Structure formats: C-alpha cells, structure tokens
Amino acid sequence: MPCTRTGIPLRSIPAGDGRVMLLKHEINQSRLIALFFLLSVLGTAHAEVMDKEPSLMQNIAWGFVSSALSLLAARFKPWSLLLVVPLPVMYFWDLIREIQDPFVGPAMLKEAGAIYIYSGYGLGVLVLASIFVGLLWRAVKAQHNE
C-alpha cells in the first residue's frame, strides 16, 4: 500500500511481539554510519584553536613561578639551573612556535587577543632575563663580600 502523500510504497515488517511496523523509507544502516562520521568530522573542523592551547593564566603562572625559581637558582646555586630551566624553556619555546605558525598564530590572535601573544613573548623573555639577573646578583654580592 503506497503512502498517500509521497506515493512511496510502505513495507510491513513484523515486530517481535506480533505487531506490524510500517516504514516509509528504507534507510541503509551503512549510510547512517557514514553520515554520522561525516558530521562528527565536520564538527571538529570548527573547533577553536584556543581550546588546544594553554590559557593566559596558565602562561602567567608558568612565567612567574619559573622566573622566581630561575632567579633563586642563579643567585644561590647556579648548577641547579640545569634542573630548573629546561622545562620552562621548552614550554615557552613551544608556545612561541605555535604563535609564529602561519595558520595557528593568526587564529590565536583573533580568539585570544594581542595580550595573549605579547604575554607569550614577554614571559618567555622574563624567564631568561631572571637567569641573567640572578647571575649578576650573585657576582655583585661576591664582589661586595671581597
């Protein structure tokens, strides 16, 4: 018996409890699965860049804590810089590489603003500058004690 509106024949499928179900269209299960995966891929294509990047507050925390530790390590035990400095340097090096990427960088600027970009550079420089300030502080203190 055809559907009155579309003219597509209805097909009867017996249900498990003896009832009869009527379907207007037959939908291929593989087409549904393919459609689901296609829509899920398209949904991820619109994901924001900053969802995958550290937040501004995380950058600030890394910058100030790393700078304080680098300053104190350089001032009191310069050999401990080998333990303190590599992780923050890698963190900010990777952040600056992301900022300078021709595709990711402009998207980060658009989504997070210029303050995020400037903080990435500034806090990375702060970590390196704190090493030099700590070493200078150590040299001045040693010269003053002589």
C-alpha atoms as a PDB file:
ATOM      1  CA  MET A   1       0.000   0.000   0.000  1.00  0.00           C
ATOM      2  CA  PRO A   2       1.573   3.359  -1.005  1.00  0.00           C
ATOM      3  CA  CYS A   3       1.876   6.420   1.183  1.00  0.00           C
ATOM      4  CA  THR A   4      -0.877   8.894   0.335  1.00  0.00           C
ATOM      5  CA  ARG A   5       1.397  11.928   0.410  1.00  0.00           C
ATOM      6  CA  THR A   6       4.602  10.737  -1.309  1.00  0.00           C
ATOM      7  CA  GLY A   7       3.465   7.692  -3.207  1.00  0.00           C
ATOM      8  CA  ILE A   8       6.367   5.644  -1.795  1.00  0.00           C
ATOM      9  CA  PRO A   9       5.289   2.125  -1.045  1.00  0.00           C
ATOM     10  CA  LEU A  10       5.138   1.217   2.632  1.00  0.00           C
ATOM     11  CA  ARG A  11       6.714  -2.033   3.677  1.00  0.00           C
ATOM     12  CA  SER A  12       5.427  -4.155   6.508  1.00  0.00           C
ATOM     13  CA  ILE A  13       7.939  -5.557   8.977  1.00  0.00           C
ATOM     14  CA  PRO A  14       6.763  -7.938  11.645  1.00  0.00           C
ATOM     15  CA  ALA A  15       7.755  -6.881  15.155  1.00  0.00           C
ATOM     16  CA  GLY A  16       8.928  -9.392  17.728  1.00  0.00           C
ATOM     17  CA  ASP A  17       5.653  -9.334  19.668  1.00  0.00           C
ATOM     18  CA  GLY A  18       3.389  -9.959  16.682  1.00  0.00           C
ATOM     19  CA  ARG A  19       2.668  -6.294  15.851  1.00  0.00           C
ATOM     20  CA  VAL A  20       3.379  -4.989  12.368  1.00  0.00           C
ATOM     21  CA  MET A  21       5.549  -1.894  11.845  1.00  0.00           C
ATOM     22  CA  LEU A  22       5.238   0.212   8.698  1.00  0.00           C
ATOM     23  CA  LEU A  23       8.250   2.043   7.229  1.00  0.00           C
ATOM     24  CA  LYS A  24       8.037   4.845   4.646  1.00  0.00           C
ATOM     25  CA  HIS A  25      11.646   4.627   3.519  1.00  0.00           C
ATOM     26  CA  GLU A  26      14.344   2.031   3.776  1.00  0.00           C
ATOM     27  CA  ILE A  27      17.493   3.613   5.194  1.00  0.00           C
ATOM     28  CA  ASN A  28      20.684   1.749   4.721  1.00  0.00           C
ATOM     29  CA  GLN A  29      22.471   1.380   8.046  1.00  0.00           C
ATOM     30  CA  SER A  30      25.887   1.930   6.484  1.00  0.00           C
ATOM     31  CA  ARG A  31      24.704   5.265   5.084  1.00  0.00           C
ATOM     32  CA  LEU A  32      23.641   6.346   8.555  1.00  0.00           C
ATOM     33  CA  ILE A  33      27.022   5.393   9.964  1.00  0.00           C
ATOM     34  CA  ALA A  34      28.811   7.229   7.154  1.00  0.00           C
ATOM     35  CA  LEU A  35      26.641  10.299   7.727  1.00  0.00           C
ATOM     36  CA  PHE A  36      27.360  10.198  11.462  1.00  0.00           C
ATOM     37  CA  PHE A  37      31.132  10.089  10.926  1.00  0.00           C
ATOM     38  CA  LEU A  38      30.975  12.816   8.291  1.00  0.00           C
ATOM     39  CA  LEU A  39      29.059  15.092  10.649  1.00  0.00           C
ATOM     40  CA  SER A  40      31.437  14.345  13.519  1.00  0.00           C
ATOM     41  CA  VAL A  41      34.435  15.219  11.335  1.00  0.00           C
ATOM     42  CA  LEU A  42      32.812  18.453  10.195  1.00  0.00           C
ATOM     43  CA  GLY A  43      32.075  19.340  13.805  1.00  0.00           C
ATOM     44  CA  THR A  44      35.714  19.032  14.776  1.00  0.00           C
ATOM     45  CA  ALA A  45      36.781  21.208  11.858  1.00  0.00           C
ATOM     46  CA  HIS A  46      35.061  24.155  13.533  1.00  0.00           C
ATOM     47  CA  ALA A  47      36.767  23.671  16.905  1.00  0.00           C
ATOM     48  CA  GLU A  48      38.510  26.720  18.265  1.00  0.00           C
ATOM     49  CA  VAL A  49      42.285  26.967  18.343  1.00  0.00           C
ATOM     50  CA  MET A  50      42.433  28.193  21.927  1.00  0.00           C
ATOM     51  CA  ASP A  51      40.749  25.002  23.141  1.00  0.00           C
ATOM     52  CA  LYS A  52      44.058  23.297  22.447  1.00  0.00           C
ATOM     53  CA  GLU A  53      46.368  25.998  23.822  1.00  0.00           C
ATOM     54  CA  PRO A  54      47.245  26.889  27.418  1.00  0.00           C
ATOM     55  CA  SER A  55      45.235  29.697  28.952  1.00  0.00           C
ATOM     56  CA  LEU A  56      46.611  33.152  29.679  1.00  0.00           C
ATOM     57  CA  MET A  57      46.534  32.458  33.415  1.00  0.00           C
ATOM     58  CA  GLN A  58      48.485  29.247  32.897  1.00  0.00           C
ATOM     59  CA  ASN A  59      51.107  31.155  30.895  1.00  0.00           C
ATOM     60  CA  ILE A  60      51.341  33.804  33.621  1.00  0.00           C
ATOM     61  CA  ALA A  61      51.721  31.154  36.324  1.00  0.00           C
ATOM     62  CA  TRP A  62      54.435  29.368  34.330  1.00  0.00           C
ATOM     63  CA  GLY A  63      56.200  32.664  33.692  1.00  0.00           C
ATOM     64  CA  PHE A  64      56.254  33.996  37.238  1.00  0.00           C
ATOM     65  CA  VAL A  65      56.970  30.701  39.005  1.00  0.00           C
ATOM     66  CA  SER A  66      59.704  29.812  36.503  1.00  0.00           C
ATOM     67  CA  SER A  67      61.223  33.271  36.775  1.00  0.00           C
ATOM     68  CA  ALA A  68      61.302  33.138  40.566  1.00  0.00           C
ATOM     69  CA  LEU A  69      62.847  29.667  40.563  1.00  0.00           C
ATOM     70  CA  SER A  70      65.400  30.651  37.899  1.00  0.00           C
ATOM     71  CA  LEU A  71      66.341  33.823  39.782  1.00  0.00           C
ATOM     72  CA  LEU A  72      66.852  31.967  43.057  1.00  0.00           C
ATOM     73  CA  ALA A  73      68.706  29.102  41.397  1.00  0.00           C
ATOM     74  CA  ALA A  74      71.043  31.502  39.588  1.00  0.00           C
ATOM     75  CA  ARG A  75      71.642  33.530  42.750  1.00  0.00           C
ATOM     76  CA  PHE A  76      72.328  30.733  45.228  1.00  0.00           C
ATOM     77  CA  LYS A  77      73.211  27.557  43.310  1.00  0.00           C
ATOM     78  CA  PRO A  78      73.959  28.190  39.616  1.00  0.00           C
ATOM     79  CA  TRP A  79      74.452  24.489  38.920  1.00  0.00           C
ATOM     80  CA  SER A  80      70.757  23.932  39.767  1.00  0.00           C
ATOM     81  CA  LEU A  81      69.822  25.966  36.681  1.00  0.00           C
ATOM     82  CA  LEU A  82      70.397  22.730  34.764  1.00  0.00           C
ATOM     83  CA  LEU A  83      67.445  21.269  36.673  1.00  0.00           C
ATOM     84  CA  VAL A  84      65.196  24.340  36.800  1.00  0.00           C
ATOM     85  CA  VAL A  85      65.460  25.943  33.363  1.00  0.00           C
ATOM     86  CA  PRO A  86      64.866  23.223  30.714  1.00  0.00           C
ATOM     87  CA  LEU A  87      61.149  22.674  31.367  1.00  0.00           C
ATOM     88  CA  PRO A  88      60.082  26.360  31.257  1.00  0.00           C
ATOM     89  CA  VAL A  89      62.304  26.987  28.228  1.00  0.00           C
ATOM     90  CA  MET A  90      60.650  24.102  26.378  1.00  0.00           C
ATOM     91  CA  TYR A  91      57.197  25.343  27.449  1.00  0.00           C
ATOM     92  CA  PHE A  92      57.723  28.882  26.157  1.00  0.00           C
ATOM     93  CA  TRP A  93      59.650  27.704  23.077  1.00  0.00           C
ATOM     94  CA  ASP A  94      56.681  25.543  22.106  1.00  0.00           C
ATOM     95  CA  LEU A  95      54.246  28.398  22.823  1.00  0.00           C
ATOM     96  CA  ILE A  96      56.252  30.805  20.652  1.00  0.00           C
ATOM     97  CA  ARG A  97      56.402  28.205  17.864  1.00  0.00           C
ATOM     98  CA  GLU A  98      52.604  27.982  17.996  1.00  0.00           C
ATOM     99  CA  ILE A  99      52.287  31.782  17.915  1.00  0.00           C
ATOM    100  CA  GLN A 100      54.584  32.012  14.889  1.00  0.00           C
ATOM    101  CA  ASP A 101      52.785  29.271  12.956  1.00  0.00           C
ATOM    102  CA  PRO A 102      51.234  30.828   9.817  1.00  0.00           C
ATOM    103  CA  PHE A 103      47.885  29.101  10.409  1.00  0.00           C
ATOM    104  CA  VAL A 104      47.613  28.846  14.195  1.00  0.00           C
ATOM    105  CA  GLY A 105      49.134  32.233  15.071  1.00  0.00           C
ATOM    106  CA  PRO A 106      46.512  34.433  13.373  1.00  0.00           C
ATOM    107  CA  ALA A 107      43.722  32.275  14.802  1.00  0.00           C
ATOM    108  CA  MET A 108      45.208  32.660  18.289  1.00  0.00           C
ATOM    109  CA  LEU A 109      45.414  36.426  17.797  1.00  0.00           C
ATOM    110  CA  LYS A 110      41.785  36.522  16.688  1.00  0.00           C
ATOM    111  CA  GLU A 111      40.474  34.346  19.527  1.00  0.00           C
ATOM    112  CA  ALA A 112      42.672  35.347  22.488  1.00  0.00           C
ATOM    113  CA  GLY A 113      43.784  38.838  21.534  1.00  0.00           C
ATOM    114  CA  ALA A 114      47.095  40.615  21.395  1.00  0.00           C
ATOM    115  CA  ILE A 115      47.659  40.363  25.162  1.00  0.00           C
ATOM    116  CA  TYR A 116      47.981  36.577  24.833  1.00  0.00           C
ATOM    117  CA  ILE A 117      50.564  36.908  22.063  1.00  0.00           C
ATOM    118  CA  TYR A 118      52.571  39.586  23.895  1.00  0.00           C
ATOM    119  CA  SER A 119      52.434  37.650  27.159  1.00  0.00           C
ATOM    120  CA  GLY A 120      53.866  34.578  25.434  1.00  0.00           C
ATOM    121  CA  TYR A 121      56.881  36.529  24.247  1.00  0.00           C
ATOM    122  CA  GLY A 122      57.207  38.664  27.380  1.00  0.00           C
ATOM    123  CA  LEU A 123      57.014  35.850  29.888  1.00  0.00           C
ATOM    124  CA  GLY A 124      59.496  33.771  27.912  1.00  0.00           C
ATOM    125  CA  VAL A 125      61.927  36.698  27.957  1.00  0.00           C
ATOM    126  CA  LEU A 126      61.224  37.200  31.681  1.00  0.00           C
ATOM    127  CA  VAL A 127      62.359  33.648  32.425  1.00  0.00           C
ATOM    128  CA  LEU A 128      65.600  34.142  30.505  1.00  0.00           C
ATOM    129  CA  ALA A 129      66.182  37.605  31.984  1.00  0.00           C
ATOM    130  CA  SER A 130      65.730  36.277  35.518  1.00  0.00           C
ATOM    131  CA  ILE A 131      68.661  33.930  34.946  1.00  0.00           C
ATOM    132  CA  PHE A 132      70.923  36.826  33.989  1.00  0.00           C
ATOM    133  CA  VAL A 133      69.665  38.976  36.870  1.00  0.00           C
ATOM    134  CA  GLY A 134      70.302  36.121  39.308  1.00  0.00           C
ATOM    135  CA  LEU A 135      73.815  35.560  37.998  1.00  0.00           C
ATOM    136  CA  LEU A 136      74.515  39.299  38.096  1.00  0.00           C
ATOM    137  CA  TRP A 137      73.159  39.473  41.645  1.00  0.00           C
ATOM    138  CA  ARG A 138      75.484  36.611  42.616  1.00  0.00           C
ATOM    139  CA  ALA A 139      78.503  38.318  41.013  1.00  0.00           C
ATOM    140  CA  VAL A 140      77.784  41.668  42.675  1.00  0.00           C
ATOM    141  CA  LYS A 141      77.262  40.006  46.051  1.00  0.00           C
ATOM    142  CA  ALA A 142      80.513  38.055  45.680  1.00  0.00           C
ATOM    143  CA  GLN A 143      82.399  41.192  44.649  1.00  0.00           C
ATOM    144  CA  HIS A 144      80.911  43.168  47.528  1.00  0.00           C
ATOM    145  CA  ASN A 145      81.931  40.494  50.068  1.00  0.00           C
ATOM    146  CA  GLU A 146      85.614  40.644  48.995  1.00  0.00           C
END
